[in-house]
Amino acid sequence: MPITDGTRRFISLSARLTGFDRAELEVTGLVETYRAVAAQELGAERYERLLNEALHEPQKPTATLRGESRAAAQAVTHLWYTAVGRAVHEGWCPRVPMPRASYGRRPV
């Protein structure tokens, strides 16, 4: 699957949030799956706002995110570490099937 600009942005966001590097995230085979889950469950507007705020100033720590963007960042981080979505709003708890090849690799 070709890597798009949207995928690159999600990998950059995920690397900042999780502490894993791009290669570690890509090798899981879950980048596009998790990007799709995050975009769908957060909604287009909230997802784009998170990307813009978190990636706008690369030197600025993501810990400075506030409000809805902070909750969205925590949800994406939680998704990477547990393979389970965490509610940003009531009802968001998707279960994402993991490809068999990703078992036993970091991150989840």
N, C-alpha and C. Protein backbone atom coordinates (compact mmCIF):
# COMPACT_ATOMS: atom_id res chain seq x y z
N MET A 1 0.85 -1.18 0.00
CA MET A 1 0.00 0.00 0.00
C MET A 1 0.89 1.24 0.00
N PRO A 2 0.65 2.16 -0.94
CA PRO A 2 1.48 3.37 -1.00
C PRO A 2 1.25 4.26 0.22
N ILE A 3 2.33 4.91 0.63
CA ILE A 3 2.24 5.83 1.77
C ILE A 3 1.84 7.20 1.25
N THR A 4 0.73 7.69 1.74
CA THR A 4 0.20 8.99 1.34
C THR A 4 0.66 10.05 2.32
N ASP A 5 0.38 11.31 1.98
CA ASP A 5 0.69 12.41 2.89
C ASP A 5 -0.08 12.24 4.20
N GLY A 6 -1.33 11.79 4.11
CA GLY A 6 -2.12 11.56 5.32
C GLY A 6 -1.52 10.49 6.21
N THR A 7 -0.98 9.44 5.58
CA THR A 7 -0.34 8.38 6.34
C THR A 7 0.94 8.89 6.99
N ARG A 8 1.72 9.67 6.25
CA ARG A 8 2.96 10.24 6.81
C ARG A 8 2.66 11.11 8.03
N ARG A 9 1.62 11.92 7.91
CA ARG A 9 1.25 12.80 9.03
C ARG A 9 0.83 11.98 10.25
N PHE A 10 0.08 10.90 10.01
CA PHE A 10 -0.36 10.06 11.12
C PHE A 10 0.83 9.35 11.77
N ILE A 11 1.79 8.90 10.96
CA ILE A 11 2.99 8.27 11.51
C ILE A 11 3.76 9.28 12.35
N SER A 12 3.91 10.51 11.86
CA SER A 12 4.61 11.55 12.62
C SER A 12 3.90 11.83 13.94
N LEU A 13 2.58 11.95 13.88
CA LEU A 13 1.80 12.17 15.09
C LEU A 13 1.99 11.00 16.06
N SER A 14 1.85 9.79 15.55
CA SER A 14 1.97 8.60 16.40
C SER A 14 3.35 8.48 17.03
N ALA A 15 4.39 8.79 16.27
CA ALA A 15 5.75 8.75 16.81
C ALA A 15 5.90 9.75 17.96
N ARG A 16 5.35 10.94 17.77
CA ARG A 16 5.43 11.96 18.84
C ARG A 16 4.67 11.53 20.08
N LEU A 17 3.52 10.88 19.88
CA LEU A 17 2.68 10.51 21.02
C LEU A 17 3.16 9.27 21.75
N THR A 18 3.72 8.32 21.03
CA THR A 18 4.06 7.03 21.65
C THR A 18 5.51 6.91 22.08
N GLY A 19 6.40 7.67 21.44
CA GLY A 19 7.82 7.53 21.72
C GLY A 19 8.49 6.48 20.85
N PHE A 20 7.73 5.76 20.04
CA PHE A 20 8.30 4.81 19.11
C PHE A 20 8.72 5.55 17.85
N ASP A 21 9.74 5.04 17.17
CA ASP A 21 10.13 5.71 15.93
C ASP A 21 9.28 5.23 14.76
N ARG A 22 9.44 5.92 13.66
CA ARG A 22 8.63 5.64 12.47
C ARG A 22 8.74 4.18 12.03
N ALA A 23 9.96 3.65 12.02
CA ALA A 23 10.17 2.27 11.57
C ALA A 23 9.45 1.28 12.48
N GLU A 24 9.51 1.53 13.80
CA GLU A 24 8.82 0.63 14.74
C GLU A 24 7.32 0.64 14.51
N LEU A 25 6.77 1.78 14.20
CA LEU A 25 5.33 1.87 13.94
C LEU A 25 4.97 1.21 12.62
N GLU A 26 5.76 1.47 11.59
CA GLU A 26 5.47 0.93 10.27
C GLU A 26 5.53 -0.58 10.24
N VAL A 27 6.49 -1.18 10.95
CA VAL A 27 6.68 -2.63 10.91
C VAL A 27 5.49 -3.40 11.50
N THR A 28 4.67 -2.75 12.29
CA THR A 28 3.51 -3.43 12.87
C THR A 28 2.47 -3.78 11.81
N GLY A 29 2.47 -3.03 10.71
CA GLY A 29 1.45 -3.24 9.69
C GLY A 29 0.10 -2.65 10.07
N LEU A 30 0.07 -1.83 11.12
CA LEU A 30 -1.19 -1.29 11.64
C LEU A 30 -1.39 0.20 11.38
N VAL A 31 -0.44 0.84 10.75
CA VAL A 31 -0.52 2.29 10.58
C VAL A 31 -1.80 2.69 9.87
N GLU A 32 -2.07 2.10 8.73
CA GLU A 32 -3.26 2.50 7.97
C GLU A 32 -4.54 2.12 8.69
N THR A 33 -4.54 0.97 9.36
CA THR A 33 -5.72 0.56 10.12
C THR A 33 -6.00 1.55 11.24
N TYR A 34 -4.98 1.89 12.00
CA TYR A 34 -5.16 2.82 13.12
C TYR A 34 -5.47 4.23 12.64
N ARG A 35 -4.88 4.63 11.52
CA ARG A 35 -5.20 5.95 10.96
C ARG A 35 -6.67 6.02 10.60
N ALA A 36 -7.17 4.97 9.98
CA ALA A 36 -8.58 4.95 9.59
C ALA A 36 -9.50 4.95 10.81
N VAL A 37 -9.14 4.18 11.84
CA VAL A 37 -9.95 4.15 13.06
C VAL A 37 -9.95 5.52 13.72
N ALA A 38 -8.77 6.13 13.85
CA ALA A 38 -8.69 7.45 14.49
C ALA A 38 -9.48 8.49 13.72
N ALA A 39 -9.32 8.52 12.41
CA ALA A 39 -10.03 9.51 11.59
C ALA A 39 -11.54 9.31 11.68
N GLN A 40 -11.98 8.07 11.64
CA GLN A 40 -13.42 7.80 11.69
C GLN A 40 -14.00 8.11 13.07
N GLU A 41 -13.35 7.61 14.10
CA GLU A 41 -13.91 7.73 15.43
C GLU A 41 -13.78 9.13 16.03
N LEU A 42 -12.71 9.83 15.68
CA LEU A 42 -12.57 11.20 16.17
C LEU A 42 -13.41 12.17 15.36
N GLY A 43 -13.70 11.79 14.14
CA GLY A 43 -14.40 12.69 13.22
C GLY A 43 -13.38 13.53 12.47
N ALA A 44 -13.71 13.88 11.25
CA ALA A 44 -12.76 14.57 10.37
C ALA A 44 -12.24 15.88 10.98
N GLU A 45 -13.12 16.66 11.55
CA GLU A 45 -12.71 17.96 12.09
C GLU A 45 -11.78 17.82 13.29
N ARG A 46 -12.15 16.97 14.24
CA ARG A 46 -11.33 16.77 15.45
C ARG A 46 -10.00 16.12 15.08
N TYR A 47 -10.01 15.16 14.16
CA TYR A 47 -8.79 14.48 13.73
C TYR A 47 -7.83 15.47 13.07
N GLU A 48 -8.34 16.29 12.18
CA GLU A 48 -7.50 17.27 11.49
C GLU A 48 -6.96 18.31 12.47
N ARG A 49 -7.78 18.72 13.42
CA ARG A 49 -7.33 19.68 14.43
C ARG A 49 -6.19 19.09 15.26
N LEU A 50 -6.31 17.82 15.64
CA LEU A 50 -5.24 17.16 16.39
C LEU A 50 -3.95 17.14 15.58
N LEU A 51 -4.02 16.73 14.33
CA LEU A 51 -2.83 16.70 13.49
C LEU A 51 -2.19 18.08 13.39
N ASN A 52 -3.01 19.09 13.13
CA ASN A 52 -2.49 20.45 12.98
C ASN A 52 -1.85 20.96 14.26
N GLU A 53 -2.51 20.76 15.38
CA GLU A 53 -1.98 21.26 16.65
C GLU A 53 -0.73 20.50 17.09
N ALA A 54 -0.73 19.20 16.91
CA ALA A 54 0.39 18.39 17.39
C ALA A 54 1.61 18.48 16.48
N LEU A 55 1.40 18.72 15.19
CA LEU A 55 2.52 18.73 14.26
C LEU A 55 2.93 20.13 13.83
N HIS A 56 2.17 21.14 14.22
CA HIS A 56 2.47 22.51 13.79
C HIS A 56 3.84 22.98 14.27
N GLU A 57 4.14 22.72 15.51
CA GLU A 57 5.43 23.12 16.08
C GLU A 57 6.14 21.87 16.59
N PRO A 58 7.02 21.29 15.78
CA PRO A 58 7.67 20.03 16.16
C PRO A 58 8.43 20.08 17.49
N GLN A 59 8.93 21.24 17.87
CA GLN A 59 9.67 21.33 19.13
C GLN A 59 8.75 21.43 20.35
N LYS A 60 7.51 21.80 20.12
CA LYS A 60 6.57 21.97 21.22
C LYS A 60 6.09 20.60 21.70
N PRO A 61 6.21 20.30 22.99
CA PRO A 61 5.78 19.00 23.49
C PRO A 61 4.27 18.79 23.32
N THR A 62 3.89 17.57 22.97
CA THR A 62 2.46 17.29 22.82
C THR A 62 1.75 17.37 24.16
N ALA A 63 2.49 17.35 25.25
CA ALA A 63 1.87 17.47 26.58
C ALA A 63 1.22 18.83 26.76
N THR A 64 1.53 19.79 25.90
CA THR A 64 0.92 21.11 26.03
C THR A 64 -0.44 21.19 25.34
N LEU A 65 -0.86 20.12 24.67
CA LEU A 65 -2.19 20.10 24.06
C LEU A 65 -3.23 20.21 25.16
N ARG A 66 -4.33 20.86 24.87
CA ARG A 66 -5.38 21.08 25.86
C ARG A 66 -6.73 20.64 25.31
N GLY A 67 -7.66 20.42 26.22
CA GLY A 67 -9.04 20.16 25.88
C GLY A 67 -9.25 18.95 24.99
N GLU A 68 -10.06 19.16 23.96
CA GLU A 68 -10.43 18.09 23.05
C GLU A 68 -9.22 17.50 22.33
N SER A 69 -8.25 18.33 21.98
CA SER A 69 -7.06 17.83 21.29
C SER A 69 -6.24 16.94 22.22
N ARG A 70 -6.17 17.28 23.47
CA ARG A 70 -5.44 16.44 24.43
C ARG A 70 -6.14 15.09 24.58
N ALA A 71 -7.46 15.10 24.69
CA ALA A 71 -8.22 13.85 24.81
C ALA A 71 -8.05 13.01 23.55
N ALA A 72 -8.05 13.65 22.38
CA ALA A 72 -7.86 12.92 21.12
C ALA A 72 -6.46 12.31 21.06
N ALA A 73 -5.45 13.07 21.49
CA ALA A 73 -4.08 12.56 21.51
C ALA A 73 -3.96 11.36 22.45
N GLN A 74 -4.60 11.44 23.60
CA GLN A 74 -4.57 10.33 24.54
C GLN A 74 -5.26 9.10 23.95
N ALA A 75 -6.34 9.32 23.21
CA ALA A 75 -7.06 8.20 22.59
C ALA A 75 -6.21 7.51 21.53
N VAL A 76 -5.49 8.29 20.72
CA VAL A 76 -4.62 7.70 19.70
C VAL A 76 -3.47 6.94 20.37
N THR A 77 -2.89 7.50 21.41
CA THR A 77 -1.82 6.83 22.14
C THR A 77 -2.33 5.51 22.73
N HIS A 78 -3.48 5.56 23.33
CA HIS A 78 -4.08 4.37 23.93
C HIS A 78 -4.33 3.30 22.86
N LEU A 79 -4.77 3.71 21.70
CA LEU A 79 -5.00 2.78 20.60
C LEU A 79 -3.71 2.04 20.24
N TRP A 80 -2.61 2.78 20.14
CA TRP A 80 -1.33 2.15 19.80
C TRP A 80 -0.86 1.18 20.88
N TYR A 81 -1.04 1.53 22.13
CA TYR A 81 -0.50 0.70 23.20
C TYR A 81 -1.38 -0.50 23.55
N THR A 82 -2.67 -0.43 23.27
CA THR A 82 -3.56 -1.51 23.70
C THR A 82 -4.36 -2.16 22.57
N ALA A 83 -4.35 -1.54 21.39
CA ALA A 83 -5.16 -2.01 20.25
C ALA A 83 -6.65 -1.88 20.53
N VAL A 84 -7.00 -1.04 21.49
CA VAL A 84 -8.39 -0.79 21.81
C VAL A 84 -8.58 0.72 21.89
N GLY A 85 -9.60 1.21 21.22
CA GLY A 85 -9.89 2.64 21.29
C GLY A 85 -10.36 3.03 22.67
N ARG A 86 -10.09 4.26 23.03
CA ARG A 86 -10.50 4.79 24.33
C ARG A 86 -11.42 5.97 24.06
N ALA A 87 -12.50 6.03 24.77
CA ALA A 87 -13.52 7.03 24.50
C ALA A 87 -13.00 8.45 24.59
N VAL A 88 -13.15 9.19 23.50
CA VAL A 88 -12.93 10.63 23.51
C VAL A 88 -14.29 11.24 23.83
N HIS A 89 -15.30 10.56 23.45
CA HIS A 89 -16.68 10.92 23.78
C HIS A 89 -17.38 9.61 24.10
N GLU A 90 -18.50 9.65 24.70
CA GLU A 90 -19.21 8.43 25.06
C GLU A 90 -19.40 7.54 23.85
N GLY A 91 -19.12 6.29 24.03
CA GLY A 91 -19.38 5.32 22.97
C GLY A 91 -18.21 4.98 22.08
N TRP A 92 -17.06 5.66 22.21
CA TRP A 92 -15.94 5.30 21.34
C TRP A 92 -15.12 4.23 22.01
N CYS A 93 -15.24 3.03 21.57
CA CYS A 93 -14.45 1.94 22.10
C CYS A 93 -14.33 0.86 21.03
N PRO A 94 -13.78 1.19 19.87
CA PRO A 94 -13.69 0.18 18.82
C PRO A 94 -12.68 -0.89 19.17
N ARG A 95 -12.95 -2.07 18.73
CA ARG A 95 -11.98 -3.17 18.83
C ARG A 95 -11.42 -3.35 17.43
N VAL A 96 -10.14 -3.24 17.32
CA VAL A 96 -9.48 -3.29 16.02
C VAL A 96 -8.81 -4.64 15.87
N PRO A 97 -9.18 -5.42 14.84
CA PRO A 97 -8.51 -6.70 14.66
C PRO A 97 -7.06 -6.49 14.26
N MET A 98 -6.18 -7.23 14.89
CA MET A 98 -4.75 -7.09 14.59
C MET A 98 -4.34 -8.16 13.59
N PRO A 99 -3.59 -7.79 12.57
CA PRO A 99 -3.08 -8.80 11.64
C PRO A 99 -2.20 -9.79 12.38
N ARG A 100 -2.33 -11.05 12.05
CA ARG A 100 -1.58 -12.11 12.71
C ARG A 100 -0.08 -11.81 12.72
N ALA A 101 0.43 -11.22 11.64
CA ALA A 101 1.87 -10.95 11.53
C ALA A 101 2.36 -9.93 12.55
N SER A 102 1.47 -9.16 13.15
CA SER A 102 1.91 -8.13 14.08
C SER A 102 2.02 -8.63 15.52
N TYR A 103 1.51 -9.81 15.82
CA TYR A 103 1.59 -10.32 17.18
C TYR A 103 3.03 -10.44 17.63
N GLY A 104 3.30 -10.02 18.85
CA GLY A 104 4.63 -10.13 19.40
C GLY A 104 5.55 -9.02 19.01
N ARG A 105 5.07 -8.03 18.27
CA ARG A 105 5.90 -6.89 17.89
C ARG A 105 5.50 -5.69 18.70
N ARG A 106 6.44 -4.78 18.90
CA ARG A 106 6.14 -3.53 19.57
C ARG A 106 5.79 -2.50 18.54
N PRO A 107 4.99 -1.54 18.79
CA PRO A 107 3.96 -1.50 19.79
C PRO A 107 2.84 -2.47 19.43
N VAL A 108 1.83 -2.53 20.27
CA VAL A 108 0.76 -3.49 20.09
C VAL A 108 0.31 -3.53 18.67
